[in-house]
Amino acid sequence: MMSKIDVKGAGKHDLYKHLIAETKGAEISWNFEKFLIGPDGKVISRYKPKTKPNDKKLLKAIENALSKL
């Protein structure tokens, strides 16, 4: 967890600059946007804010990423 940071605009945090660059430059649409990040720091996949934490595709992607460790 982090303290409150900017995810848009001139004060955008470097983390979000990296995440956006890794996902073809699409801006953050709203809070709760999800990023699955591998141990190498690369973005594996990105999920819309309305994606539930128990979404089948999200869980499958997490399981797949963990199986490669």
C-alpha atoms as a PDB file:
ATOM      1  CA  MET A   1       0.000   0.000   0.000  1.00  0.00           C
ATOM      2  CA  MET A   2       1.089   3.538  -0.661  1.00  0.00           C
ATOM      3  CA  SER A   3       0.032   6.941   0.488  1.00  0.00           C
ATOM      4  CA  LYS A   4      -2.158   8.968  -1.836  1.00  0.00           C
ATOM      5  CA  ILE A   5      -0.391   9.761  -5.117  1.00  0.00           C
ATOM      6  CA  ASP A   6      -1.375  11.335  -8.433  1.00  0.00           C
ATOM      7  CA  VAL A   7      -2.201   8.883 -11.199  1.00  0.00           C
ATOM      8  CA  LYS A   8      -3.064  11.522 -13.815  1.00  0.00           C
ATOM      9  CA  GLY A   9      -1.879  14.948 -14.816  1.00  0.00           C
ATOM     10  CA  ALA A  10       1.356  16.857 -14.381  1.00  0.00           C
ATOM     11  CA  GLY A  11       2.128  15.327 -10.980  1.00  0.00           C
ATOM     12  CA  LYS A  12       1.639  11.725 -12.104  1.00  0.00           C
ATOM     13  CA  HIS A  13       3.728   9.366  -9.983  1.00  0.00           C
ATOM     14  CA  ASP A  14       6.592   7.541 -11.722  1.00  0.00           C
ATOM     15  CA  LEU A  15       4.977   4.185 -10.940  1.00  0.00           C
ATOM     16  CA  TYR A  16       1.943   5.085 -13.019  1.00  0.00           C
ATOM     17  CA  LYS A  17       4.079   6.541 -15.778  1.00  0.00           C
ATOM     18  CA  HIS A  18       5.763   3.120 -15.970  1.00  0.00           C
ATOM     19  CA  LEU A  19       2.498   1.159 -15.814  1.00  0.00           C
ATOM     20  CA  ILE A  20       0.922   3.293 -18.532  1.00  0.00           C
ATOM     21  CA  ALA A  21       3.980   3.029 -20.769  1.00  0.00           C
ATOM     22  CA  GLU A  22       4.028  -0.767 -20.332  1.00  0.00           C
ATOM     23  CA  THR A  23       0.366  -0.993 -21.398  1.00  0.00           C
ATOM     24  CA  LYS A  24       0.559   0.943 -24.654  1.00  0.00           C
ATOM     25  CA  GLY A  25      -0.026   4.389 -23.175  1.00  0.00           C
ATOM     26  CA  ALA A  26      -3.708   4.122 -22.202  1.00  0.00           C
ATOM     27  CA  GLU A  27      -4.358   6.511 -19.321  1.00  0.00           C
ATOM     28  CA  ILE A  28      -5.783   5.340 -16.008  1.00  0.00           C
ATOM     29  CA  SER A  29      -9.554   5.520 -16.320  1.00  0.00           C
ATOM     30  CA  TRP A  30     -10.531   5.399 -12.642  1.00  0.00           C
ATOM     31  CA  ASN A  31      -9.505   4.140  -9.209  1.00  0.00           C
ATOM     32  CA  PHE A  32      -9.194   0.392  -8.787  1.00  0.00           C
ATOM     33  CA  GLU A  33      -7.589  -0.186 -12.175  1.00  0.00           C
ATOM     34  CA  LYS A  34      -5.592  -3.378 -11.707  1.00  0.00           C
ATOM     35  CA  PHE A  35      -2.173  -4.369 -13.014  1.00  0.00           C
ATOM     36  CA  LEU A  36      -0.669  -7.830 -12.778  1.00  0.00           C
ATOM     37  CA  ILE A  37       3.091  -7.373 -12.531  1.00  0.00           C
ATOM     38  CA  GLY A  38       5.684 -10.114 -12.876  1.00  0.00           C
ATOM     39  CA  PRO A  39       8.739 -10.543 -10.670  1.00  0.00           C
ATOM     40  CA  ASP A  40      10.800  -8.753 -13.329  1.00  0.00           C
ATOM     41  CA  GLY A  41       8.668  -5.600 -12.934  1.00  0.00           C
ATOM     42  CA  LYS A  42       7.023  -5.995 -16.347  1.00  0.00           C
ATOM     43  CA  VAL A  43       3.263  -5.652 -16.652  1.00  0.00           C
ATOM     44  CA  ILE A  44       1.702  -9.009 -17.517  1.00  0.00           C
ATOM     45  CA  SER A  45      -1.841  -7.702 -17.891  1.00  0.00           C
ATOM     46  CA  ARG A  46      -4.130  -4.830 -17.045  1.00  0.00           C
ATOM     47  CA  TYR A  47      -7.745  -4.916 -15.899  1.00  0.00           C
ATOM     48  CA  LYS A  48     -10.533  -2.354 -15.947  1.00  0.00           C
ATOM     49  CA  PRO A  49     -11.656  -0.807 -12.642  1.00  0.00           C
ATOM     50  CA  LYS A  50     -14.911  -2.774 -12.612  1.00  0.00           C
ATOM     51  CA  THR A  51     -13.040  -6.099 -12.766  1.00  0.00           C
ATOM     52  CA  LYS A  52     -13.764  -7.890  -9.503  1.00  0.00           C
ATOM     53  CA  PRO A  53     -10.799  -9.285  -7.549  1.00  0.00           C
ATOM     54  CA  ASN A  54     -12.290 -12.776  -7.947  1.00  0.00           C
ATOM     55  CA  ASP A  55     -12.843 -12.456 -11.718  1.00  0.00           C
ATOM     56  CA  LYS A  56     -12.108 -15.802 -13.417  1.00  0.00           C
ATOM     57  CA  LYS A  57      -9.800 -14.293 -16.066  1.00  0.00           C
ATOM     58  CA  LEU A  58      -7.861 -12.331 -13.455  1.00  0.00           C
ATOM     59  CA  LEU A  59      -7.473 -15.355 -11.184  1.00  0.00           C
ATOM     60  CA  LYS A  60      -6.374 -17.518 -14.117  1.00  0.00           C
ATOM     61  CA  ALA A  61      -3.757 -14.923 -15.093  1.00  0.00           C
ATOM     62  CA  ILE A  62      -2.451 -14.819 -11.511  1.00  0.00           C
ATOM     63  CA  GLU A  63      -2.289 -18.609 -11.325  1.00  0.00           C
ATOM     64  CA  ASN A  64      -0.523 -18.747 -14.683  1.00  0.00           C
ATOM     65  CA  ALA A  65       2.042 -16.152 -13.578  1.00  0.00           C
ATOM     66  CA  LEU A  66       2.670 -17.979 -10.293  1.00  0.00           C
ATOM     67  CA  SER A  67       3.140 -21.288 -12.093  1.00  0.00           C
ATOM     68  CA  LYS A  68       6.121 -19.769 -13.946  1.00  0.00           C
ATOM     69  CA  LEU A  69       8.037 -18.914 -10.766  1.00  0.00           C
END
